[in-house]
């Protein structure tokens, strides 16, 4: 598992989420992985989907090396055109300041769970 995925999973686990499933085999060209997470604290059982989106200009076989954006939604995005819209949280992976960005990412997810998504 890539470092950024390990860090996302660690941060979510630390704040009351568990990883339910990972879909890597049935993803389209624009998606590396699709995670289903579930709250194990407030709103126990609330499920969200984490989409690991690949750079649209990438033309290689190892999609994990080209993930540029991570988004969280209440529904599974079925196609690339649906991948642009209102997200609960978004984590841009290019550039620096990953630790600050992942902190904001987790805060946004937890605010949504707590009903503070304004």
N, C-alpha and C. Protein backbone atom coordinates (compact mmCIF):
# COMPACT_ATOMS: atom_id res chain seq x y z
N UNK A 1 0.86 -1.18 0.00
CA UNK A 1 0.00 0.00 0.00
C UNK A 1 0.90 1.24 0.00
N UNK A 2 0.54 2.21 -0.83
CA UNK A 2 1.31 3.44 -0.94
C UNK A 2 1.26 4.22 0.37
N UNK A 3 2.32 5.01 0.60
CA UNK A 3 2.45 5.79 1.83
C UNK A 3 1.21 6.66 2.08
N UNK A 4 0.75 7.39 1.05
CA UNK A 4 -0.38 8.30 1.26
C UNK A 4 -1.64 7.53 1.65
N UNK A 5 -1.81 6.31 1.14
CA UNK A 5 -2.98 5.51 1.51
C UNK A 5 -2.86 5.02 2.95
N UNK A 6 -1.66 4.63 3.33
CA UNK A 6 -1.43 4.22 4.72
C UNK A 6 -1.73 5.37 5.68
N UNK A 7 -1.30 6.57 5.32
CA UNK A 7 -1.53 7.74 6.17
C UNK A 7 -3.02 8.10 6.24
N UNK A 8 -3.71 8.01 5.14
CA UNK A 8 -5.15 8.27 5.15
C UNK A 8 -5.85 7.25 6.03
N UNK A 9 -5.51 5.98 5.87
CA UNK A 9 -6.13 4.93 6.68
C UNK A 9 -5.83 5.12 8.17
N UNK A 10 -4.59 5.48 8.49
CA UNK A 10 -4.21 5.71 9.89
C UNK A 10 -5.01 6.87 10.48
N UNK A 11 -5.09 7.97 9.73
CA UNK A 11 -5.81 9.15 10.22
C UNK A 11 -7.29 8.83 10.41
N UNK A 12 -7.88 8.11 9.48
CA UNK A 12 -9.29 7.76 9.61
C UNK A 12 -9.52 6.80 10.78
N UNK A 13 -8.64 5.83 10.94
CA UNK A 13 -8.77 4.88 12.06
C UNK A 13 -8.67 5.61 13.39
N UNK A 14 -7.78 6.58 13.45
CA UNK A 14 -7.59 7.36 14.69
C UNK A 14 -8.81 8.20 15.03
N UNK A 15 -9.65 8.49 14.05
CA UNK A 15 -10.80 9.36 14.29
C UNK A 15 -12.14 8.64 14.17
N UNK A 16 -12.13 7.31 14.30
CA UNK A 16 -13.38 6.57 14.41
C UNK A 16 -13.97 6.05 13.12
N UNK A 17 -13.12 5.72 12.16
CA UNK A 17 -13.58 5.12 10.91
C UNK A 17 -12.88 3.79 10.70
N UNK A 18 -13.57 2.86 10.03
CA UNK A 18 -12.93 1.61 9.67
C UNK A 18 -13.07 1.38 8.17
N UNK A 19 -12.08 0.72 7.61
CA UNK A 19 -12.10 0.38 6.19
C UNK A 19 -12.92 -0.89 6.03
N UNK A 20 -14.00 -0.80 5.24
CA UNK A 20 -14.89 -1.94 5.03
C UNK A 20 -14.45 -2.74 3.81
N UNK A 21 -14.11 -2.04 2.72
CA UNK A 21 -13.70 -2.75 1.52
C UNK A 21 -12.84 -1.86 0.63
N UNK A 22 -12.06 -2.54 -0.21
CA UNK A 22 -11.24 -1.87 -1.22
C UNK A 22 -11.56 -2.52 -2.56
N UNK A 23 -11.94 -1.71 -3.53
CA UNK A 23 -12.18 -2.21 -4.87
C UNK A 23 -11.07 -1.66 -5.77
N UNK A 24 -10.17 -2.54 -6.17
CA UNK A 24 -9.09 -2.18 -7.08
C UNK A 24 -9.26 -2.85 -8.43
N UNK A 25 -10.02 -3.92 -8.45
CA UNK A 25 -10.13 -4.74 -9.65
C UNK A 25 -11.17 -4.26 -10.65
N UNK A 26 -12.18 -3.56 -10.17
CA UNK A 26 -13.29 -3.18 -11.04
C UNK A 26 -13.38 -1.67 -11.21
N UNK A 27 -12.23 -1.04 -11.30
CA UNK A 27 -12.22 0.41 -11.44
C UNK A 27 -11.90 0.79 -12.88
N UNK A 28 -12.44 1.91 -13.29
CA UNK A 28 -12.22 2.41 -14.64
C UNK A 28 -10.86 3.12 -14.70
N UNK A 29 -10.49 3.62 -15.88
CA UNK A 29 -9.18 4.22 -16.11
C UNK A 29 -8.88 5.39 -15.17
N UNK A 30 -9.88 6.11 -14.74
CA UNK A 30 -9.68 7.33 -13.95
C UNK A 30 -9.61 7.07 -12.45
N UNK A 31 -9.80 5.82 -12.05
CA UNK A 31 -9.88 5.48 -10.63
C UNK A 31 -8.91 4.35 -10.30
N UNK A 32 -8.03 4.60 -9.34
CA UNK A 32 -7.09 3.56 -8.91
C UNK A 32 -7.77 2.61 -7.91
N UNK A 33 -8.26 3.17 -6.83
CA UNK A 33 -8.94 2.39 -5.80
C UNK A 33 -10.23 3.09 -5.41
N UNK A 34 -11.15 2.30 -4.91
CA UNK A 34 -12.37 2.81 -4.31
C UNK A 34 -12.49 2.16 -2.94
N UNK A 35 -12.45 2.99 -1.91
CA UNK A 35 -12.58 2.47 -0.54
C UNK A 35 -13.97 2.77 -0.02
N UNK A 36 -14.51 1.82 0.71
CA UNK A 36 -15.73 2.05 1.47
C UNK A 36 -15.33 2.09 2.93
N UNK A 37 -15.68 3.19 3.60
CA UNK A 37 -15.37 3.31 5.03
C UNK A 37 -16.67 3.42 5.80
N UNK A 38 -16.59 3.10 7.09
CA UNK A 38 -17.77 3.12 7.94
C UNK A 38 -17.40 3.72 9.28
N UNK A 39 -18.28 4.56 9.80
CA UNK A 39 -18.07 5.16 11.11
C UNK A 39 -18.27 4.12 12.20
N UNK A 40 -17.36 4.12 13.16
CA UNK A 40 -17.50 3.23 14.32
C UNK A 40 -17.67 4.06 15.60
N UNK A 41 -17.91 5.35 15.42
CA UNK A 41 -18.19 6.23 16.56
C UNK A 41 -19.55 6.88 16.34
N UNK A 42 -19.60 8.21 16.31
CA UNK A 42 -20.87 8.89 16.08
C UNK A 42 -21.47 8.40 14.76
N UNK A 43 -22.79 8.39 14.72
CA UNK A 43 -23.51 7.88 13.55
C UNK A 43 -22.94 6.53 13.11
N UNK A 44 -22.85 5.63 14.07
CA UNK A 44 -22.29 4.31 13.80
C UNK A 44 -22.94 3.71 12.56
N UNK A 45 -22.09 3.23 11.66
CA UNK A 45 -22.57 2.58 10.45
C UNK A 45 -22.65 3.50 9.24
N UNK A 46 -22.47 4.81 9.44
CA UNK A 46 -22.47 5.73 8.30
C UNK A 46 -21.37 5.31 7.34
N UNK A 47 -21.73 5.14 6.06
CA UNK A 47 -20.76 4.70 5.06
C UNK A 47 -20.46 5.84 4.09
N UNK A 48 -19.18 5.96 3.76
CA UNK A 48 -18.72 6.92 2.77
C UNK A 48 -17.78 6.20 1.80
N UNK A 49 -17.57 6.82 0.65
CA UNK A 49 -16.70 6.24 -0.38
C UNK A 49 -15.53 7.18 -0.65
N UNK A 50 -14.35 6.60 -0.66
CA UNK A 50 -13.13 7.35 -0.97
C UNK A 50 -12.65 6.93 -2.35
N UNK A 51 -12.53 7.91 -3.22
CA UNK A 51 -12.12 7.69 -4.61
C UNK A 51 -10.69 8.18 -4.81
N UNK A 52 -9.81 7.31 -5.25
CA UNK A 52 -8.42 7.66 -5.54
C UNK A 52 -8.33 7.90 -7.05
N UNK A 53 -8.33 9.16 -7.44
CA UNK A 53 -8.45 9.54 -8.84
C UNK A 53 -7.09 9.71 -9.51
N UNK A 54 -6.98 9.11 -10.67
CA UNK A 54 -5.74 9.11 -11.44
C UNK A 54 -5.66 10.36 -12.32
N UNK A 55 -4.45 10.87 -12.48
CA UNK A 55 -4.20 11.98 -13.38
C UNK A 55 -4.73 11.60 -14.77
N UNK A 56 -5.62 12.40 -15.35
CA UNK A 56 -6.21 12.03 -16.64
C UNK A 56 -5.21 11.96 -17.79
N UNK A 57 -4.02 12.51 -17.60
CA UNK A 57 -3.01 12.46 -18.65
C UNK A 57 -2.08 11.25 -18.52
N UNK A 58 -2.27 10.46 -17.47
CA UNK A 58 -1.41 9.29 -17.24
C UNK A 58 -1.76 8.19 -18.24
N UNK A 59 -0.72 7.57 -18.79
CA UNK A 59 -0.94 6.54 -19.80
C UNK A 59 -0.17 5.26 -19.48
N UNK A 60 0.09 5.00 -18.20
CA UNK A 60 0.85 3.82 -17.82
C UNK A 60 -0.02 2.74 -17.23
N UNK A 61 0.63 1.69 -16.74
CA UNK A 61 -0.10 0.55 -16.17
C UNK A 61 -0.28 0.65 -14.66
N UNK A 62 0.66 1.30 -13.97
CA UNK A 62 0.62 1.39 -12.51
C UNK A 62 -0.14 2.64 -12.10
N UNK A 63 -1.47 2.54 -12.02
CA UNK A 63 -2.29 3.70 -11.71
C UNK A 63 -1.99 4.28 -10.33
N UNK A 64 -1.54 3.45 -9.38
CA UNK A 64 -1.25 3.95 -8.03
C UNK A 64 -0.20 5.04 -8.03
N UNK A 65 0.71 4.97 -8.99
CA UNK A 65 1.78 5.98 -9.05
C UNK A 65 1.29 7.29 -9.64
N UNK A 66 0.07 7.33 -10.17
CA UNK A 66 -0.44 8.53 -10.84
C UNK A 66 -1.67 9.11 -10.14
N UNK A 67 -1.96 8.67 -8.92
CA UNK A 67 -3.09 9.24 -8.20
C UNK A 67 -2.75 10.69 -7.86
N UNK A 68 -3.65 11.59 -8.23
CA UNK A 68 -3.38 13.00 -7.96
C UNK A 68 -4.41 13.64 -7.04
N UNK A 69 -5.53 12.96 -6.84
CA UNK A 69 -6.60 13.55 -6.05
C UNK A 69 -7.37 12.44 -5.34
N UNK A 70 -7.79 12.72 -4.11
CA UNK A 70 -8.59 11.78 -3.34
C UNK A 70 -9.85 12.52 -2.91
N UNK A 71 -11.01 11.95 -3.21
CA UNK A 71 -12.26 12.60 -2.85
C UNK A 71 -13.13 11.65 -2.03
N UNK A 72 -14.01 12.24 -1.22
CA UNK A 72 -14.92 11.46 -0.38
C UNK A 72 -16.35 11.88 -0.70
N UNK A 73 -17.22 10.89 -0.87
CA UNK A 73 -18.62 11.13 -1.21
C UNK A 73 -19.51 10.13 -0.49
N UNK A 74 -20.79 10.45 -0.44
CA UNK A 74 -21.76 9.52 0.13
C UNK A 74 -22.10 8.40 -0.84
N UNK A 75 -21.84 8.61 -2.11
CA UNK A 75 -22.16 7.62 -3.13
C UNK A 75 -20.91 7.24 -3.89
N UNK A 76 -20.96 6.07 -4.46
CA UNK A 76 -19.89 5.59 -5.32
C UNK A 76 -20.00 6.31 -6.67
N UNK A 77 -18.94 6.95 -7.11
CA UNK A 77 -18.94 7.61 -8.41
C UNK A 77 -18.76 6.54 -9.48
N UNK A 78 -19.63 6.56 -10.45
CA UNK A 78 -19.65 5.49 -11.43
C UNK A 78 -18.85 5.80 -12.69
N UNK A 79 -18.63 7.07 -12.99
CA UNK A 79 -17.87 7.40 -14.18
C UNK A 79 -17.11 8.69 -14.00
N UNK A 80 -16.23 8.99 -14.93
CA UNK A 80 -15.36 10.15 -14.82
C UNK A 80 -16.14 11.45 -14.77
N UNK A 81 -17.19 11.57 -15.55
CA UNK A 81 -17.96 12.81 -15.55
C UNK A 81 -18.63 13.06 -14.20
N UNK A 82 -18.95 12.00 -13.49
CA UNK A 82 -19.53 12.14 -12.15
C UNK A 82 -18.46 12.41 -11.10
N UNK A 83 -17.20 12.33 -11.49
CA UNK A 83 -16.13 12.52 -10.52
C UNK A 83 -15.87 13.99 -10.23
N UNK A 84 -16.57 14.86 -10.91
CA UNK A 84 -16.43 16.30 -10.67
C UNK A 84 -17.73 16.81 -10.08
N UNK A 85 -17.68 17.26 -8.86
CA UNK A 85 -18.90 17.73 -8.23
C UNK A 85 -18.63 18.11 -6.80
N UNK A 86 -19.66 18.03 -6.01
CA UNK A 86 -19.54 18.41 -4.61
C UNK A 86 -19.03 17.21 -3.82
N UNK A 87 -17.90 17.42 -3.18
CA UNK A 87 -17.27 16.37 -2.39
C UNK A 87 -17.35 16.73 -0.91
N UNK A 88 -17.42 15.72 -0.07
CA UNK A 88 -17.37 15.92 1.37
C UNK A 88 -15.98 16.39 1.76
N UNK A 89 -14.98 15.78 1.14
CA UNK A 89 -13.59 16.14 1.41
C UNK A 89 -12.77 15.87 0.15
N UNK A 90 -11.68 16.60 0.02
CA UNK A 90 -10.79 16.42 -1.12
C UNK A 90 -9.35 16.60 -0.64
N UNK A 91 -8.49 15.72 -1.15
CA UNK A 91 -7.07 15.76 -0.80
C UNK A 91 -6.27 15.73 -2.09
N UNK A 92 -5.64 16.86 -2.39
CA UNK A 92 -4.81 16.96 -3.58
C UNK A 92 -3.41 16.47 -3.22
N UNK A 93 -2.87 15.51 -3.98
CA UNK A 93 -1.62 14.86 -3.60
C UNK A 93 -0.36 15.47 -4.21
N UNK A 94 -0.52 16.30 -5.20
CA UNK A 94 0.67 16.89 -5.83
C UNK A 94 1.14 18.09 -5.03
N UNK A 95 2.44 18.32 -5.02
CA UNK A 95 2.98 19.45 -4.27
C UNK A 95 3.26 19.05 -2.83
N UNK A 96 3.65 19.99 -2.03
CA UNK A 96 4.04 19.73 -0.65
C UNK A 96 2.89 19.86 0.32
N UNK A 97 3.24 19.94 1.59
CA UNK A 97 2.31 20.15 2.71
C UNK A 97 1.30 19.02 2.86
N UNK A 98 1.72 17.79 2.63
CA UNK A 98 0.81 16.65 2.73
C UNK A 98 0.23 16.53 4.13
N UNK A 99 1.06 16.70 5.16
CA UNK A 99 0.58 16.53 6.53
C UNK A 99 -0.52 17.53 6.87
N UNK A 100 -0.38 18.78 6.41
CA UNK A 100 -1.43 19.78 6.64
C UNK A 100 -2.70 19.42 5.87
N UNK A 101 -2.52 18.97 4.65
CA UNK A 101 -3.67 18.64 3.81
C UNK A 101 -4.44 17.43 4.34
N UNK A 102 -3.72 16.43 4.82
CA UNK A 102 -4.41 15.24 5.32
C UNK A 102 -5.17 15.56 6.60
N UNK A 103 -4.63 16.48 7.38
CA UNK A 103 -5.33 16.91 8.60
C UNK A 103 -6.66 17.58 8.23
N UNK A 104 -6.64 18.48 7.27
CA UNK A 104 -7.86 19.16 6.81
C UNK A 104 -8.85 18.17 6.19
N UNK A 105 -8.32 17.19 5.47
CA UNK A 105 -9.12 16.14 4.84
C UNK A 105 -9.92 15.39 5.90
N UNK A 106 -9.23 14.94 6.95
CA UNK A 106 -9.89 14.19 8.03
C UNK A 106 -10.89 15.07 8.78
N UNK A 107 -10.55 16.32 9.01
CA UNK A 107 -11.46 17.24 9.69
C UNK A 107 -12.75 17.40 8.90
N UNK A 108 -12.64 17.54 7.58
CA UNK A 108 -13.83 17.69 6.74
C UNK A 108 -14.73 16.46 6.81
N UNK A 109 -14.13 15.28 6.80
CA UNK A 109 -14.91 14.04 6.88
C UNK A 109 -15.63 13.96 8.23
N UNK A 110 -14.92 14.29 9.29
CA UNK A 110 -15.50 14.20 10.63
C UNK A 110 -16.56 15.28 10.86
N UNK A 111 -16.38 16.46 10.28
CA UNK A 111 -17.41 17.50 10.37
C UNK A 111 -18.69 17.03 9.68
N UNK A 112 -18.54 16.38 8.54
CA UNK A 112 -19.70 15.85 7.84
C UNK A 112 -20.43 14.85 8.73
N UNK A 113 -19.68 13.92 9.32
CA UNK A 113 -20.30 12.91 10.19
C UNK A 113 -21.02 13.55 11.35
N UNK A 114 -20.47 14.64 11.88
CA UNK A 114 -21.04 15.30 13.04
C UNK A 114 -22.11 16.33 12.68
N UNK A 115 -22.45 16.40 11.37
CA UNK A 115 -23.49 17.32 10.94
C UNK A 115 -23.07 18.76 10.84
N UNK A 116 -21.77 18.99 10.76
CA UNK A 116 -21.23 20.35 10.67
C UNK A 116 -20.64 20.62 9.30
N UNK A 117 -21.29 20.16 8.27
CA UNK A 117 -20.75 20.23 6.92
C UNK A 117 -21.05 21.55 6.23
N UNK A 118 -21.06 22.63 6.94
CA UNK A 118 -21.28 23.94 6.33
C UNK A 118 -19.99 24.67 6.17
